[in-house]
Structure formats: C-alpha cells, structure tokens
Amino acid sequence: MVSTDSLITLESLRNWKNYTYLIEKIRMKVIEMELQNWEIEFSWIKAHTGHHGNELADQLAKEAATSRDINEGYKRIPKSTVLSELNDHSATKWQSEWDNTTKGAITKSFFPKTADRLKMKINVTPNLTTMVTGHGNIKSYLHKYKILGSPMCSCKSGEQTVDHILFGCKLLEQERDSLKAAVLQS
C-alpha cells in the first residue's frame, strides 16, 4: 500500500487526461511493479499526524527542495506553461503586426486589440465579414474595382460604405432604431 497526504496527487493519478511528467513516471513505475506481481494500492492519510513514513517523506521532500543537486525530472517545464507562453508570445506578435500593417483599416476600427477579439464569441457570417472588412457586396467596394459605375447608395444620401450602412443610410433607419432599442433593453 502506498499512502500519501496529497489528495491532488491521488486525483491526478486517477485522471487519465493528466500527463504531467511526475504523474506519468508514477504510473509507469506502478505498471512495472504490477508486471512483477506486486499489488499496488494508493490511499490518503492525514498530514502531520505522526505517521512515521509520512513524516520521513516530508523531511526528504524538504531536503530535496532546498538541495542544489536537483534531479533533471524536476527541471522540466510543464506542457501547460509552454503552451501558455507560446500563446502569449503569439498574441503579442500578432498585435504588433496588426498595429504596424497599413491594411485592414475597417477591420481595425472594429477590433483594434486582437486579444479583445479573441475573447469574443462571434457567429461569423458572410454579412458580418463584409461589414468588418469592407469587402463584398458594398457599392463603394464594387465601384473601386470598376464592377459598378457608381458608389452611391440607393438612399441617394451618400456613398454606400460600411459607415454609411451602419450609421447613415436612410433606408436602414428602422432596422437601426430596432437594433438600438434591443441593445438598450438588454
């Protein structure tokens, strides 16, 4: 029987999705011993209650923690730390490139910070993509590429741009007012 005062270790051993280095080493050792007909059972004991083996393990752990002779296994960086650092580095690099590019001005006006955009749960549709990029079935965009002869909106009050559609088109005034009312109620 292997007794421990560490509930988190016992829970980690039971959780097969946990692949930390030390937990895997324990699992491999258990398998090795079971192949030699050992019966291994883990149990929890209360800490600092006079169990000789537990007190000895605590003393040895303290010595190991303060020793300059650190075992290689304890120097390993957890996968979660590496992933977190890579994500942070990627996000910083992405934001830097986003800040320095001369493209995507319309999209930048909606999402100036890439980290804020990543936190949002957005249902991406063709219409949303058209609005946040300024590309697609918008008359100013189609006129720019000589697909249409005029960039003027059907409402006759200006060029049909993303800003015009969202804020100024008289033909969309009722929908805009309904949307504003719905947002204010929530």
Protein backbone atom coordinates (compact mmCIF):
# COMPACT_ATOMS: atom_id res chain seq x y z
CA MET A 1 0.00 0.00 0.00
CA VAL A 2 1.25 3.46 -0.91
CA SER A 3 -0.03 6.17 1.42
CA THR A 4 0.10 9.88 0.67
CA ASP A 5 -1.19 13.08 2.23
CA SER A 6 -1.53 14.62 -1.24
CA LEU A 7 -5.10 14.43 -2.49
CA ILE A 8 -4.12 16.27 -5.65
CA THR A 9 -1.61 13.52 -6.47
CA LEU A 10 -4.25 10.83 -6.00
CA GLU A 11 -6.73 12.77 -8.16
CA SER A 12 -4.06 13.29 -10.83
CA LEU A 13 -3.27 9.57 -10.90
CA ARG A 14 -6.98 8.78 -11.41
CA ASN A 15 -7.38 11.40 -14.14
CA TRP A 16 -6.09 9.76 -17.33
CA LYS A 17 -6.11 13.14 -19.08
CA ASN A 18 -3.32 14.32 -16.77
CA TYR A 19 0.02 13.73 -18.49
CA THR A 20 2.43 15.61 -16.25
CA TYR A 21 5.95 14.23 -16.10
CA LEU A 22 5.92 13.02 -12.50
CA ILE A 23 2.42 11.53 -12.69
CA GLU A 24 3.45 9.59 -15.80
CA LYS A 25 6.61 8.38 -14.03
CA ILE A 26 4.49 7.11 -11.10
CA ARG A 27 2.08 5.36 -13.48
CA MET A 28 4.95 3.71 -15.36
CA LYS A 29 6.52 2.51 -12.09
CA VAL A 30 3.17 1.08 -10.94
CA ILE A 31 2.75 -0.80 -14.24
CA GLU A 32 6.32 -2.11 -13.98
CA MET A 33 5.71 -3.35 -10.42
CA GLU A 34 2.32 -4.89 -11.27
CA LEU A 35 4.00 -6.84 -14.09
CA GLN A 36 6.22 -8.31 -11.36
CA ASN A 37 3.04 -9.39 -9.46
CA TRP A 38 3.05 -6.55 -6.95
CA GLU A 39 -0.35 -5.35 -5.80
CA ILE A 40 -0.28 -1.57 -5.66
CA GLU A 41 -2.98 0.38 -3.86
CA PHE A 42 -2.96 4.10 -3.14
CA SER A 43 -4.58 5.59 -0.05
CA TRP A 44 -4.83 9.01 1.54
CA ILE A 45 -3.68 9.79 5.09
CA LYS A 46 -3.95 12.99 7.04
CA ALA A 47 -0.76 15.05 7.06
CA HIS A 48 1.32 15.83 10.17
CA THR A 49 -0.37 13.29 12.43
CA GLY A 50 2.68 11.24 13.36
CA HIS A 51 2.72 8.63 10.58
CA HIS A 52 6.40 7.71 10.54
CA GLY A 53 6.61 7.14 6.78
CA ASN A 54 4.74 10.35 6.01
CA GLU A 55 6.92 12.41 8.36
CA LEU A 56 10.04 10.91 6.73
CA ALA A 57 8.67 11.67 3.24
CA ASP A 58 8.00 15.30 4.28
CA GLN A 59 11.55 15.63 5.65
CA LEU A 60 13.08 14.17 2.47
CA ALA A 61 10.90 16.41 0.28
CA LYS A 62 12.10 19.49 2.17
CA GLU A 63 15.71 18.40 1.79
CA ALA A 64 15.22 17.80 -1.93
CA ALA A 65 13.53 21.19 -2.37
CA THR A 66 16.44 23.02 -0.75
CA SER A 67 19.21 20.90 -2.30
CA ARG A 68 21.38 22.37 -5.03
CA ASP A 69 21.59 18.92 -6.64
CA ILE A 70 18.24 19.00 -8.45
CA ASN A 71 17.11 15.91 -10.33
CA GLU A 72 16.54 16.51 -14.08
CA GLY A 73 12.91 15.43 -13.80
CA TYR A 74 12.14 18.38 -11.58
CA LYS A 75 13.67 20.85 -14.03
CA ARG A 76 11.14 20.02 -16.73
CA ILE A 77 8.69 22.74 -17.65
CA PRO A 78 5.03 21.67 -17.66
CA LYS A 79 3.38 21.46 -21.08
CA SER A 80 0.69 23.90 -19.89
CA THR A 81 3.38 26.51 -19.12
CA VAL A 82 4.98 26.12 -22.53
CA LEU A 83 1.58 26.40 -24.27
CA SER A 84 0.66 29.46 -22.22
CA GLU A 85 3.96 31.17 -23.02
CA LEU A 86 3.62 30.34 -26.73
CA ASN A 87 0.06 31.70 -26.76
CA ASP A 88 1.18 34.90 -25.02
CA HIS A 89 4.12 35.32 -27.42
CA SER A 90 1.89 34.69 -30.45
CA ALA A 91 -0.72 37.15 -29.22
CA THR A 92 1.92 39.84 -28.63
CA LYS A 93 3.47 39.26 -32.06
CA TRP A 94 0.05 39.28 -33.74
CA GLN A 95 -0.88 42.56 -32.02
CA SER A 96 2.44 44.12 -33.08
CA GLU A 97 1.93 43.10 -36.71
CA TRP A 98 -1.71 44.27 -36.52
CA ASP A 99 -0.59 47.66 -35.21
CA ASN A 100 2.07 48.07 -37.92
CA THR A 101 0.16 46.95 -41.01
CA THR A 102 -1.34 49.53 -43.33
CA LYS A 103 -4.07 47.10 -44.40
CA GLY A 104 -7.36 46.26 -42.74
CA ALA A 105 -8.31 49.78 -41.62
CA ILE A 106 -12.04 48.96 -41.48
CA THR A 107 -11.45 45.75 -39.55
CA LYS A 108 -9.10 47.60 -37.18
CA SER A 109 -11.83 50.13 -36.43
CA PHE A 110 -14.00 47.26 -35.14
CA PHE A 111 -11.21 45.24 -33.50
CA PRO A 112 -8.23 47.43 -32.53
CA LYS A 113 -6.98 44.85 -30.00
CA THR A 114 -6.55 41.28 -31.22
CA ALA A 115 -6.80 39.90 -27.67
CA ASP A 116 -10.23 41.52 -27.22
CA ARG A 117 -11.42 39.98 -30.49
CA LEU A 118 -10.22 36.53 -29.43
CA LYS A 119 -12.28 36.76 -26.23
CA MET A 120 -15.49 37.47 -28.18
CA LYS A 121 -17.87 34.72 -29.19
CA ILE A 122 -18.95 35.85 -32.65
CA ASN A 123 -21.06 33.94 -35.14
CA VAL A 124 -19.15 34.73 -38.33
CA THR A 125 -21.48 35.16 -41.30
CA PRO A 126 -20.87 36.49 -44.81
CA ASN A 127 -22.68 39.73 -43.91
CA LEU A 128 -20.58 40.22 -40.77
CA THR A 129 -17.41 39.55 -42.74
CA THR A 130 -18.47 42.11 -45.35
CA MET A 131 -19.14 44.71 -42.66
CA VAL A 132 -15.91 44.25 -40.68
CA THR A 133 -13.69 44.07 -43.77
CA GLY A 134 -15.44 46.48 -46.13
CA HIS A 135 -15.11 43.83 -48.84
CA GLY A 136 -18.06 42.26 -50.56
CA ASN A 137 -21.37 43.48 -51.86
CA ILE A 138 -20.91 47.13 -50.88
CA LYS A 139 -21.22 49.66 -53.68
CA SER A 140 -18.10 51.65 -52.75
CA TYR A 141 -16.04 48.44 -52.81
CA LEU A 142 -17.56 47.24 -56.11
CA HIS A 143 -17.06 50.71 -57.63
CA LYS A 144 -13.40 50.72 -56.55
CA TYR A 145 -12.83 47.61 -58.70
CA LYS A 146 -14.93 49.01 -61.58
CA ILE A 147 -17.65 46.40 -61.15
CA LEU A 148 -20.24 49.16 -60.63
CA GLY A 149 -20.34 52.54 -62.27
CA SER A 150 -21.25 54.45 -59.10
CA PRO A 151 -20.53 54.05 -55.38
CA MET A 152 -23.78 55.89 -54.44
CA CYS A 153 -26.17 54.21 -52.04
CA SER A 154 -29.76 53.55 -53.12
CA CYS A 155 -30.92 56.07 -50.49
CA LYS A 156 -29.17 58.82 -52.51
CA SER A 157 -27.64 60.39 -49.39
CA GLY A 158 -24.02 59.29 -49.85
CA GLU A 159 -21.62 56.61 -50.96
CA GLN A 160 -22.52 53.14 -49.77
CA THR A 161 -19.67 52.42 -47.33
CA VAL A 162 -19.68 50.35 -44.14
CA ASP A 163 -20.07 53.51 -42.02
CA HIS A 164 -22.90 54.74 -44.23
CA ILE A 165 -24.75 51.41 -43.94
CA LEU A 166 -24.28 51.22 -40.18
CA PHE A 167 -24.84 54.85 -39.25
CA GLY A 168 -26.37 56.93 -42.03
CA CYS A 169 -28.41 55.06 -44.64
CA LYS A 170 -31.98 56.32 -44.54
CA LEU A 171 -33.27 53.02 -45.98
CA LEU A 172 -31.96 51.16 -42.92
CA GLU A 173 -33.12 53.67 -40.32
CA GLN A 174 -35.95 51.50 -38.99
CA GLU A 175 -33.70 48.43 -38.59
CA ARG A 176 -31.03 50.59 -36.92
CA ASP A 177 -33.58 52.00 -34.45
CA SER A 178 -34.88 48.49 -33.65
CA LEU A 179 -31.35 47.26 -33.05
CA LYS A 180 -30.54 50.21 -30.78
CA ALA A 181 -33.73 49.60 -28.77
CA ALA A 182 -32.90 45.89 -28.42
CA VAL A 183 -29.36 46.65 -27.25
CA LEU A 184 -30.57 49.21 -24.72
CA GLN A 185 -33.11 46.74 -23.27
CA SER A 186 -30.53 44.01 -22.67
